[in-house]
Amino acid sequence: MMLVNGYRKHHMNLHHKLLLLMTWMIGSCVSSDKHRSRETVETAMKYYDHLILTTDADSIALLYTPDGELGNEAVGRDSIRNFLNKFKDFKVLYQTSSADSIIIREDTAILMGIYQQKTIVPPNDTVYVKGTFIEKWIWFKVNGWHIKRMDTHPF
C-alpha cells in the first residue's frame, strides 16, 4: 500500500513538473514574440540614434550582425568600424529616426522612414542632413535586435 501511495505521489509530482515545464515553454514563446515586437525594434532604432550621437564606432559596429552591411560602404563589423572611424572628429549634435513602416516576419524586421541629423564637421562647419532610410534588423534570441543592412538616401 505504501509503495502504491509512494508511486502515486511520485507520479503526480512528475505530472506536476511536466505541467509546469509546458507552462514555462508556452510562456517563453509568448515572451519571445513580445520581444520581437514593433516597440522593441523601435527601441533598438532609438538606441542606434543614441550611438550615432556618441560617434562610438565600436558600439555602433557591434549593433550590426557579424556580416552586417552599412549601405554599399562597409560589410562586416570590422569594416563598419573602420569606415565609421573616419568620422571620429565629427560632432553629431542631433540625430533622429522615425519609422513610417515596420514589417516584422519571424526574426526579421524591415523599417522604412525618415532620418535627420545636424553635425559639426571639421574644421567647424555645421551640416544638416535629412533623408530616407531602409533598415533590415535580425532578432537574436540571446542578444536581441541587430542591424543586418542599413541604407540611407539623403534628400
Protein backbone atom coordinates (compact mmCIF):
# COMPACT_ATOMS: atom_id res chain seq x y z
CA MET A 1 0.00 0.00 0.00
CA MET A 2 2.79 2.45 0.82
CA LEU A 3 4.51 1.63 -2.45
CA VAL A 4 1.37 2.48 -4.35
CA ASN A 5 0.91 5.73 -2.48
CA GLY A 6 4.60 6.49 -2.89
CA TYR A 7 4.33 5.76 -6.60
CA ARG A 8 1.22 7.85 -6.98
CA LYS A 9 2.87 10.71 -5.15
CA HIS A 10 5.94 10.42 -7.39
CA HIS A 11 3.74 10.13 -10.46
CA MET A 12 1.76 13.23 -9.50
CA ASN A 13 4.96 15.14 -8.87
CA LEU A 14 6.23 14.13 -12.29
CA HIS A 15 2.90 15.14 -13.85
CA HIS A 16 3.01 18.43 -11.98
CA LYS A 17 6.60 19.05 -13.14
CA LEU A 18 5.65 18.34 -16.76
CA LEU A 19 2.72 20.74 -16.49
CA LEU A 20 4.99 23.43 -15.07
CA LEU A 21 7.56 22.81 -17.81
CA MET A 22 4.88 23.11 -20.53
CA THR A 23 3.56 26.31 -18.96
CA TRP A 24 7.08 27.74 -18.88
CA MET A 25 7.71 26.75 -22.51
CA ILE A 26 4.47 28.35 -23.70
CA GLY A 27 5.26 31.44 -21.65
CA SER A 28 8.70 31.59 -23.23
CA CYS A 29 7.20 31.51 -26.71
CA VAL A 30 4.84 34.34 -25.87
CA SER A 31 7.69 36.23 -24.26
CA SER A 32 9.85 35.78 -27.37
CA ASP A 33 7.08 37.12 -29.58
CA LYS A 34 6.69 40.08 -27.24
CA HIS A 35 10.40 40.82 -27.52
CA ARG A 36 10.19 40.74 -31.31
CA SER A 37 7.55 43.46 -31.32
CA ARG A 38 7.29 46.82 -33.06
CA GLU A 39 8.11 48.54 -29.77
CA THR A 40 11.33 46.60 -29.20
CA VAL A 41 12.66 47.17 -32.71
CA GLU A 42 11.81 50.89 -32.40
CA THR A 43 13.72 50.92 -29.11
CA ALA A 44 16.70 49.32 -30.87
CA MET A 45 16.46 52.00 -33.58
CA LYS A 46 16.43 54.75 -30.91
CA TYR A 47 19.48 53.14 -29.31
CA TYR A 48 21.21 53.32 -32.70
CA ASP A 49 20.34 57.04 -32.84
CA HIS A 50 21.91 57.44 -29.39
CA LEU A 51 25.09 55.69 -30.53
CA ILE A 52 25.30 57.97 -33.56
CA LEU A 53 25.24 60.94 -31.15
CA THR A 54 28.19 59.48 -29.26
CA THR A 55 30.07 58.67 -32.50
CA ASP A 56 31.28 55.47 -30.81
CA ALA A 57 32.33 53.40 -33.83
CA ASP A 58 32.94 50.25 -31.74
CA SER A 59 29.47 50.24 -30.19
CA ILE A 60 27.79 51.10 -33.47
CA ALA A 61 29.62 48.27 -35.26
CA LEU A 62 28.57 45.81 -32.54
CA LEU A 63 24.92 46.70 -33.14
CA TYR A 64 25.30 45.20 -36.62
CA THR A 65 25.24 41.46 -37.30
CA PRO A 66 28.72 39.97 -37.85
CA ASP A 67 28.05 40.14 -41.61
CA GLY A 68 26.05 43.38 -41.42
CA GLU A 69 26.08 45.91 -44.23
CA LEU A 70 26.29 49.69 -43.95
CA GLY A 71 24.90 50.54 -47.37
CA ASN A 72 27.50 49.89 -50.03
CA GLU A 73 30.27 51.35 -47.85
CA ALA A 74 31.12 48.50 -45.50
CA VAL A 75 30.36 44.83 -44.86
CA GLY A 76 31.14 43.17 -41.52
CA ARG A 77 31.72 44.71 -38.12
CA ASP A 78 35.44 45.42 -38.61
CA SER A 79 34.81 47.11 -41.94
CA ILE A 80 31.92 49.14 -40.48
CA ARG A 81 34.08 50.17 -37.51
CA ASN A 82 36.93 51.26 -39.81
CA PHE A 83 34.54 53.22 -42.03
CA LEU A 84 32.93 54.99 -39.06
CA ASN A 85 36.32 55.84 -37.52
CA LYS A 86 36.83 58.20 -40.47
CA PHE A 87 34.21 60.42 -38.81
CA LYS A 88 35.67 60.45 -35.29
CA ASP A 89 36.37 64.20 -35.50
CA PHE A 90 32.75 64.98 -36.36
CA LYS A 91 30.40 66.15 -33.60
CA VAL A 92 26.82 64.97 -34.05
CA LEU A 93 24.51 67.48 -32.37
CA TYR A 94 21.20 65.93 -33.33
CA GLN A 95 20.17 62.54 -34.70
CA THR A 96 16.65 61.20 -35.01
CA SER A 97 14.96 58.46 -36.97
CA SER A 98 11.26 57.98 -37.42
CA ALA A 99 9.91 54.76 -38.92
CA ASP A 100 6.88 55.21 -41.15
CA SER A 101 6.64 51.47 -41.75
CA ILE A 102 7.71 48.46 -39.70
CA ILE A 103 7.16 44.95 -41.02
CA ILE A 104 8.08 42.04 -38.76
CA ARG A 105 8.17 38.46 -40.02
CA GLU A 106 9.50 35.87 -37.58
CA ASP A 107 13.07 37.01 -36.75
CA THR A 108 13.33 39.81 -39.33
CA ALA A 109 12.12 43.42 -39.21
CA ILE A 110 12.16 45.88 -42.10
CA LEU A 111 11.95 49.54 -41.12
CA MET A 112 11.42 52.41 -43.55
CA GLY A 113 11.28 56.06 -42.62
CA ILE A 114 12.99 59.42 -42.35
CA TYR A 115 16.15 60.46 -40.51
CA GLN A 116 17.51 63.89 -39.62
CA GLN A 117 20.95 64.85 -38.42
CA LYS A 118 22.81 68.03 -37.51
CA THR A 119 26.59 67.65 -37.37
CA ILE A 120 29.64 69.85 -36.95
CA VAL A 121 32.26 68.72 -39.45
CA PRO A 122 35.92 69.74 -39.47
CA PRO A 123 37.12 72.41 -39.44
CA ASN A 124 33.97 73.92 -37.91
CA ASP A 125 31.08 73.79 -40.38
CA THR A 126 27.54 72.76 -39.49
CA VAL A 127 25.80 70.32 -41.81
CA TYR A 128 22.10 69.43 -41.79
CA VAL A 129 21.17 66.13 -43.38
CA LYS A 130 17.72 64.69 -43.93
CA GLY A 131 16.67 61.67 -45.92
CA THR A 132 15.03 58.28 -46.04
CA PHE A 133 16.28 55.02 -44.60
CA ILE A 134 15.60 51.33 -45.07
CA GLU A 135 16.86 49.04 -42.31
CA LYS A 136 16.79 45.28 -42.03
CA TRP A 137 17.07 44.04 -38.44
CA ILE A 138 17.53 40.44 -37.31
CA TRP A 139 16.35 39.12 -33.92
CA PHE A 140 18.85 37.01 -31.96
CA LYS A 141 17.34 35.16 -29.00
CA VAL A 142 20.29 35.97 -26.74
CA ASN A 143 21.28 39.45 -27.99
CA GLY A 144 18.04 40.94 -29.32
CA TRP A 145 17.79 43.09 -32.46
CA HIS A 146 20.85 43.72 -34.67
CA ILE A 147 21.16 45.51 -37.98
CA LYS A 148 21.67 43.26 -40.99
CA ARG A 149 21.63 46.11 -43.51
CA MET A 150 21.10 49.86 -43.45
CA ASP A 151 20.64 52.06 -46.49
CA THR A 152 20.16 55.83 -46.38
CA HIS A 153 19.24 58.23 -49.15
CA PRO A 154 19.65 61.97 -48.44
CA PHE A 155 17.05 64.37 -49.87
